[in-house]
Amino acid sequence: MEPDEALEVLCVGETMSLVAPADATPLERAPAFTLSAGGAESNVAIHLASLGHRVGWASRVGDDPLGRRLVADLARAGVDTALVEVHPEAPTGVYFKDPRPEGTRVHYYRAGSAASTMDQDFLADVVLDAPAAVHLSGITPVLSTGCDRLVRRLLTRPRRSRLSFDVNHRPALWSAAEAAPVLRELAQLADVVFVGLDEAAALWSVRTPEEVRALLDRPELVVVKDGALAAHEFGAGTTSVPAPRVEVVEPVGAGDAFAAGYLSGLLRGADASRRLRLGHLLAARSLLSTEDHQALPDLAELEERLAYDERAWGGLRIGGDA
């Protein structure tokens, strides 16, 4: 299948049905739940679509109600789903969020899912060469040997598109010891890399953003997110922007929102400071909900928030009394 129109960004990876307590109560006690589409790459796609970009999502889903529902959800959000394939036998994956005071736990039911059947033959070269950027994450290679081959093909093939890679280590899927060499190898092959400093510390025993850049020295741009403190871009130079203050409801999905905001700025030709700020703004909105993506403020409000100078930016407040 071909997408409906030329895409700016193509996001490739598994999306599952996400079940989450409606009010951030632990799973075993929650009286009500939400059902939505949840997946790192499709989260990025939804955020990019909300910012006005032409974005597509490519994956496989099961021939089941959950698969049909999540494809419809993505389409309603403005994401092109023409490159989604339906597997006749394998099911759509499901996962549950379990918010707890010590942090959110995630329970996956994705073994043998439709998306795990993707391999190196998924997506033609002509499709991959059309968008300005292709976005992947470090979740996909651990899903199956075929998915690992797919990611390696996308990262090593001669390409016209800029390749964006979010390290996105998931301890529930593989240990840090197993993941560390693989994720570093894959990140080194990308053009733009996103990684959390805490994540990098767990994987590679680094302590500072500068040490992350030294370890990932080949990509054109490396973006290191230091939680509630700041985000740092390493390219031809180094740019750091402090994070706004946020009253966190639930953190899962904020990294995908940040990646989308940053990529939007990159696609629009924004400078390093502005694209880091846009990443912060989208991440802040995501932190205010148990769902992986939130409705954005209108563009005028985004522009107003982006206009804060560097000295005031760290004091910007999102949520609560904002």
Protein backbone atom coordinates (compact mmCIF):
# COMPACT_ATOMS: atom_id res chain seq x y z
CA MET A 1 0.00 0.00 0.00
CA GLU A 2 1.06 3.58 -0.63
CA PRO A 3 0.47 6.52 1.75
CA ASP A 4 -2.20 9.02 0.64
CA GLU A 5 0.28 11.85 0.07
CA ALA A 6 3.95 12.64 0.43
CA LEU A 7 4.97 12.35 4.09
CA GLU A 8 7.37 14.52 6.04
CA VAL A 9 7.96 11.79 8.64
CA LEU A 10 7.41 8.04 8.72
CA CYS A 11 7.34 6.35 12.14
CA VAL A 12 7.95 2.59 12.15
CA GLY A 13 7.22 0.31 15.10
CA GLU A 14 4.67 -1.60 17.14
CA THR A 15 1.57 0.03 18.58
CA MET A 16 -0.51 -1.82 21.15
CA SER A 17 -3.83 -1.30 22.85
CA LEU A 18 -3.07 0.62 26.05
CA VAL A 19 -5.19 0.07 29.16
CA ALA A 20 -4.56 2.65 31.89
CA PRO A 21 -6.34 3.63 35.13
CA ALA A 22 -8.32 6.79 34.46
CA ASP A 23 -7.05 8.62 37.55
CA ALA A 24 -3.48 7.32 38.13
CA THR A 25 -4.68 4.81 40.77
CA PRO A 26 -2.68 1.54 40.97
CA LEU A 27 -4.00 -1.01 38.52
CA GLU A 28 -5.32 -3.48 41.09
CA ARG A 29 -7.51 -0.84 42.76
CA ALA A 30 -8.56 1.35 39.83
CA PRO A 31 -12.34 1.57 39.32
CA ALA A 32 -12.20 2.89 35.74
CA PHE A 33 -9.87 2.60 32.78
CA THR A 34 -9.10 4.22 29.46
CA LEU A 35 -8.40 2.28 26.27
CA SER A 36 -6.18 3.96 23.72
CA ALA A 37 -3.37 3.36 21.25
CA GLY A 38 0.05 3.16 22.87
CA GLY A 39 3.42 2.80 21.19
CA ALA A 40 6.57 4.88 21.13
CA GLU A 41 6.63 5.51 17.40
CA SER A 42 2.88 6.09 17.01
CA ASN A 43 2.97 8.48 19.99
CA VAL A 44 5.57 10.50 18.09
CA ALA A 45 3.38 10.35 14.98
CA ILE A 46 0.28 11.61 16.81
CA HIS A 47 2.16 14.54 18.33
CA LEU A 48 3.69 15.47 14.97
CA ALA A 49 0.28 15.33 13.31
CA SER A 50 -1.13 17.61 16.01
CA LEU A 51 1.59 20.11 15.11
CA GLY A 52 0.50 20.10 11.48
CA HIS A 53 3.03 17.71 9.96
CA ARG A 54 2.23 15.09 7.33
CA VAL A 55 3.19 11.95 9.20
CA GLY A 56 2.63 8.25 8.65
CA TRP A 57 2.88 5.19 10.85
CA ALA A 58 3.94 1.79 9.48
CA SER A 59 3.42 -1.46 11.39
CA ARG A 60 1.35 -4.61 11.59
CA VAL A 61 -1.76 -5.25 13.68
CA GLY A 62 -3.97 -8.26 14.22
CA ASP A 63 -7.19 -8.95 12.36
CA ASP A 64 -9.11 -8.20 15.54
CA PRO A 65 -11.21 -5.43 17.15
CA LEU A 66 -8.25 -3.98 19.04
CA GLY A 67 -6.19 -3.68 15.87
CA ARG A 68 -9.04 -2.05 13.97
CA ARG A 69 -9.68 0.33 16.84
CA LEU A 70 -6.11 1.54 17.21
CA VAL A 71 -5.69 2.05 13.45
CA ALA A 72 -8.89 4.11 13.48
CA ASP A 73 -7.63 6.07 16.51
CA LEU A 74 -4.38 6.93 14.71
CA ALA A 75 -6.24 7.93 11.56
CA ARG A 76 -8.59 10.19 13.54
CA ALA A 77 -5.53 11.85 15.07
CA GLY A 78 -4.39 12.82 11.58
CA VAL A 79 -1.78 10.07 11.07
CA ASP A 80 -1.59 8.35 7.68
CA THR A 81 -2.12 4.60 8.24
CA ALA A 82 -1.87 3.42 4.62
CA LEU A 83 1.34 1.51 5.42
CA VAL A 84 -0.21 -0.53 8.25
CA GLU A 85 -0.61 -4.21 7.40
CA VAL A 86 -3.14 -6.60 8.96
CA HIS A 87 -1.84 -10.03 9.99
CA PRO A 88 -4.52 -12.72 9.54
CA GLU A 89 -3.47 -14.84 12.52
CA ALA A 90 -1.21 -13.00 15.01
CA PRO A 91 -2.98 -10.73 17.53
CA THR A 92 -2.63 -7.06 18.33
CA GLY A 93 -0.47 -6.57 21.43
CA VAL A 94 -1.83 -5.16 24.68
CA TYR A 95 -0.18 -3.45 27.63
CA PHE A 96 -1.29 -2.07 30.96
CA LYS A 97 0.03 0.90 32.91
CA ASP A 98 0.21 0.48 36.68
CA PRO A 99 0.81 3.91 38.28
CA ARG A 100 2.38 3.66 41.75
CA PRO A 101 3.99 6.15 44.15
CA GLU A 102 7.40 4.67 43.45
CA GLY A 103 6.90 4.91 39.69
CA THR A 104 4.77 3.52 36.90
CA ARG A 105 5.09 -0.15 36.05
CA VAL A 106 4.19 -1.47 32.62
CA HIS A 107 2.82 -4.96 31.98
CA TYR A 108 3.17 -6.21 28.40
CA TYR A 109 1.11 -8.88 26.64
CA ARG A 110 2.79 -8.73 23.25
CA ALA A 111 4.60 -12.06 22.71
CA GLY A 112 3.80 -13.34 19.23
CA SER A 113 2.03 -10.11 18.28
CA ALA A 114 1.34 -9.13 14.70
CA ALA A 115 3.99 -6.41 14.82
CA SER A 116 6.62 -8.90 15.95
CA THR A 117 6.28 -10.63 12.56
CA MET A 118 7.81 -7.64 10.73
CA ASP A 119 11.18 -8.36 9.14
CA GLN A 120 13.74 -6.92 6.74
CA ASP A 121 11.30 -7.18 3.81
CA PHE A 122 8.76 -4.89 5.48
CA LEU A 123 8.51 -1.57 3.55
CA ALA A 124 9.94 -0.96 0.11
CA ASP A 125 12.95 1.28 -0.46
CA VAL A 126 10.84 3.70 -2.50
CA VAL A 127 8.56 4.20 0.51
CA LEU A 128 11.48 4.76 2.88
CA ASP A 129 13.15 7.31 0.60
CA ALA A 130 10.09 9.56 0.27
CA PRO A 131 9.82 11.28 3.71
CA ALA A 132 12.28 13.82 5.08
CA ALA A 133 12.73 11.69 8.21
CA VAL A 134 12.14 8.13 9.41
CA HIS A 135 11.73 7.59 13.15
CA LEU A 136 12.55 4.33 14.97
CA SER A 137 13.09 3.27 18.55
CA GLY A 138 15.18 0.74 20.47
CA ILE A 139 12.00 -1.16 21.35
CA THR A 140 11.57 -2.68 17.90
CA PRO A 141 14.79 -4.76 17.67
CA VAL A 142 13.99 -6.73 20.83
CA LEU A 143 10.53 -7.82 19.63
CA SER A 144 11.86 -10.59 17.37
CA THR A 145 14.83 -11.53 15.23
CA GLY A 146 12.87 -10.34 12.20
CA CYS A 147 12.26 -6.94 13.81
CA ASP A 148 15.96 -6.70 14.63
CA ARG A 149 16.79 -7.34 10.97
CA LEU A 150 14.27 -4.68 9.94
CA VAL A 151 15.86 -2.02 12.15
CA ARG A 152 19.35 -2.90 10.97
CA ARG A 153 18.26 -2.70 7.35
CA LEU A 154 16.71 0.74 7.87
CA LEU A 155 19.82 2.03 9.62
CA THR A 156 22.42 0.61 7.23
CA ARG A 157 20.78 0.99 3.80
CA PRO A 158 21.83 3.90 1.58
CA ARG A 159 19.21 6.51 2.40
CA ARG A 160 17.87 9.92 1.48
CA SER A 161 15.81 10.39 4.64
CA ARG A 162 17.23 11.55 7.95
CA LEU A 163 17.10 8.63 10.40
CA SER A 164 15.89 9.42 13.92
CA PHE A 165 16.44 6.84 16.68
CA ASP A 166 15.14 6.96 20.26
CA VAL A 167 17.17 4.57 22.43
CA ASN A 168 14.06 3.83 24.53
CA HIS A 169 15.44 0.94 26.59
CA ARG A 170 12.63 -1.13 28.12
CA PRO A 171 13.93 -3.21 31.08
CA ALA A 172 10.76 -5.33 30.95
CA LEU A 173 11.81 -6.54 27.50
CA TRP A 174 15.57 -7.02 27.97
CA SER A 175 18.16 -6.35 30.63
CA ALA A 176 20.62 -3.48 30.49
CA ALA A 177 23.45 -5.96 30.02
CA GLU A 178 21.73 -7.50 26.98
CA ALA A 179 20.60 -4.19 25.52
CA ALA A 180 23.66 -2.01 26.05
CA PRO A 181 25.90 -3.16 23.17
CA VAL A 182 22.99 -3.53 20.73
CA LEU A 183 21.47 -0.12 21.44
CA ARG A 184 24.82 1.63 21.22
CA GLU A 185 25.57 -0.07 17.90
CA LEU A 186 22.19 0.95 16.47
CA ALA A 187 22.35 4.50 17.84
CA GLN A 188 25.74 5.01 16.21
CA LEU A 189 24.15 4.31 12.82
CA ALA A 190 21.43 6.99 13.14
CA ASP A 191 21.50 10.68 12.19
CA VAL A 192 19.56 11.94 15.24
CA VAL A 193 19.58 10.13 18.58
CA PHE A 194 17.43 10.69 21.68
CA VAL A 195 18.45 9.21 25.04
CA GLY A 196 17.72 9.94 28.70
CA LEU A 197 20.73 10.52 30.93
CA ASP A 198 19.39 8.05 33.50
CA GLU A 199 18.82 5.54 30.72
CA ALA A 200 22.35 6.04 29.38
CA ALA A 201 23.77 5.65 32.89
CA ALA A 202 21.99 2.32 33.34
CA LEU A 203 23.09 1.07 29.93
CA TRP A 204 26.62 2.41 29.59
CA SER A 205 27.70 3.65 33.05
CA VAL A 206 28.09 7.24 31.89
CA ARG A 207 27.52 10.14 34.29
CA THR A 208 27.21 13.31 32.25
CA PRO A 209 25.66 14.42 28.95
CA GLU A 210 29.16 15.03 27.63
CA GLU A 211 30.10 11.43 28.33
CA VAL A 212 27.02 10.29 26.40
CA ARG A 213 28.13 12.33 23.41
CA ALA A 214 31.63 10.90 23.64
CA LEU A 215 30.14 7.40 23.59
CA LEU A 216 27.78 8.22 20.69
CA ASP A 217 30.22 10.16 18.55
CA ARG A 218 28.96 9.30 15.05
CA PRO A 219 25.40 10.73 14.83
CA GLU A 220 24.93 14.24 13.47
CA LEU A 221 22.83 15.18 16.51
CA VAL A 222 22.60 13.58 19.96
CA VAL A 223 19.89 14.85 22.34
CA VAL A 224 20.36 13.96 26.00
CA LYS A 225 17.36 14.46 28.28
CA ASP A 226 18.22 15.01 31.94
CA GLY A 227 14.78 14.54 33.48
CA ALA A 228 13.32 17.58 35.21
CA LEU A 229 16.59 19.51 34.90
CA ALA A 230 17.40 20.16 31.25
CA ALA A 231 17.85 18.81 27.74
CA HIS A 232 21.11 19.05 25.81
CA GLU A 233 21.77 18.94 22.07
CA PHE A 234 25.21 17.92 20.83
CA GLY A 235 25.91 18.65 17.17
CA ALA A 236 28.37 21.09 15.67
CA GLY A 237 28.14 22.79 19.07
CA THR A 238 26.37 22.22 22.37
CA THR A 239 23.05 23.76 23.43
CA SER A 240 21.26 23.24 26.76
CA VAL A 241 17.75 24.35 27.75
CA PRO A 242 16.38 23.93 31.30
CA ALA A 243 13.10 22.05 31.69
CA PRO A 244 9.92 23.86 32.75
CA ARG A 245 8.35 22.98 36.09
CA VAL A 246 5.57 20.40 35.81
CA GLU A 247 3.21 18.78 38.31
CA VAL A 248 3.69 15.19 37.12
CA VAL A 249 0.65 12.90 37.00
CA GLU A 250 2.35 10.01 35.19
CA PRO A 251 5.66 10.00 33.27
CA VAL A 252 5.39 7.24 30.65
CA GLY A 253 5.13 8.70 27.14
CA ALA A 254 6.84 12.02 27.90
CA GLY A 255 9.98 10.97 26.04
CA ASP A 256 7.97 10.32 22.87
CA ALA A 257 6.34 13.73 23.19
CA PHE A 258 9.74 15.36 23.60
CA ALA A 259 11.08 13.60 20.50
CA ALA A 260 8.10 14.79 18.46
CA GLY A 261 8.47 18.39 19.58
CA TYR A 262 12.18 18.37 18.83
CA LEU A 263 11.70 16.75 15.41
CA SER A 264 9.00 19.30 14.57
CA GLY A 265 11.45 22.09 15.29
CA LEU A 266 14.13 20.36 13.26
CA LEU A 267 11.80 19.90 10.28
CA ARG A 268 10.79 23.57 10.44
CA GLY A 269 14.40 24.75 10.49
CA ALA A 270 14.30 26.03 14.10
CA ASP A 271 17.57 26.61 15.92
CA ALA A 272 18.78 24.24 18.64
CA SER A 273 17.36 26.23 21.54
CA ARG A 274 13.92 26.51 20.01
CA ARG A 275 13.63 22.84 19.08
CA LEU A 276 14.70 21.79 22.59
CA ARG A 277 12.06 24.12 24.05
CA LEU A 278 9.37 22.65 21.82
CA GLY A 279 10.40 19.19 23.00
CA HIS A 280 10.07 20.33 26.60
CA LEU A 281 6.60 21.81 25.99
CA LEU A 282 5.18 18.64 24.47
CA ALA A 283 6.76 16.47 27.16
CA ALA A 284 5.23 18.69 29.85
CA ARG A 285 1.75 18.22 28.37
CA SER A 286 2.23 14.45 28.36
CA LEU A 287 3.25 14.44 32.03
CA LEU A 288 -0.16 15.81 33.01
CA SER A 289 -2.09 12.64 32.06
CA THR A 290 -2.06 8.85 32.36
CA GLU A 291 -2.52 8.65 28.58
CA ASP A 292 0.48 8.77 26.24
CA HIS A 293 -0.62 11.87 24.33
CA GLN A 294 -2.55 14.98 25.24
CA ALA A 295 -4.30 17.67 23.25
CA LEU A 296 -1.92 20.54 22.60
CA PRO A 297 -2.58 24.20 23.31
CA ASP A 298 -3.20 26.25 20.20
CA LEU A 299 -0.22 27.42 18.18
CA ALA A 300 -0.48 30.96 19.53
CA GLU A 301 -0.05 29.68 23.09
CA LEU A 302 2.87 27.49 22.01
CA GLU A 303 4.53 30.49 20.40
CA GLU A 304 4.01 32.53 23.56
CA ARG A 305 5.62 29.87 25.71
CA LEU A 306 8.48 29.41 23.27
CA ALA A 307 9.19 33.14 23.45
CA TYR A 308 10.50 33.00 27.03
CA ASP A 309 14.17 33.89 27.14
CA GLU A 310 16.73 31.40 28.45
CA ARG A 311 16.90 32.92 31.94
CA ALA A 312 13.13 32.64 32.46
CA TRP A 313 12.61 29.29 30.74
CA GLY A 314 13.48 27.09 33.72
CA GLY A 315 10.86 28.91 35.79
CA LEU A 316 8.07 28.32 33.27
CA ARG A 317 5.28 26.37 34.95
CA ILE A 318 3.11 23.82 33.10
CA GLY A 319 0.01 22.47 34.84
CA GLY A 320 -1.26 23.22 38.33
CA ASP A 321 -1.95 26.95 38.53
CA ALA A 322 -0.47 27.70 35.09
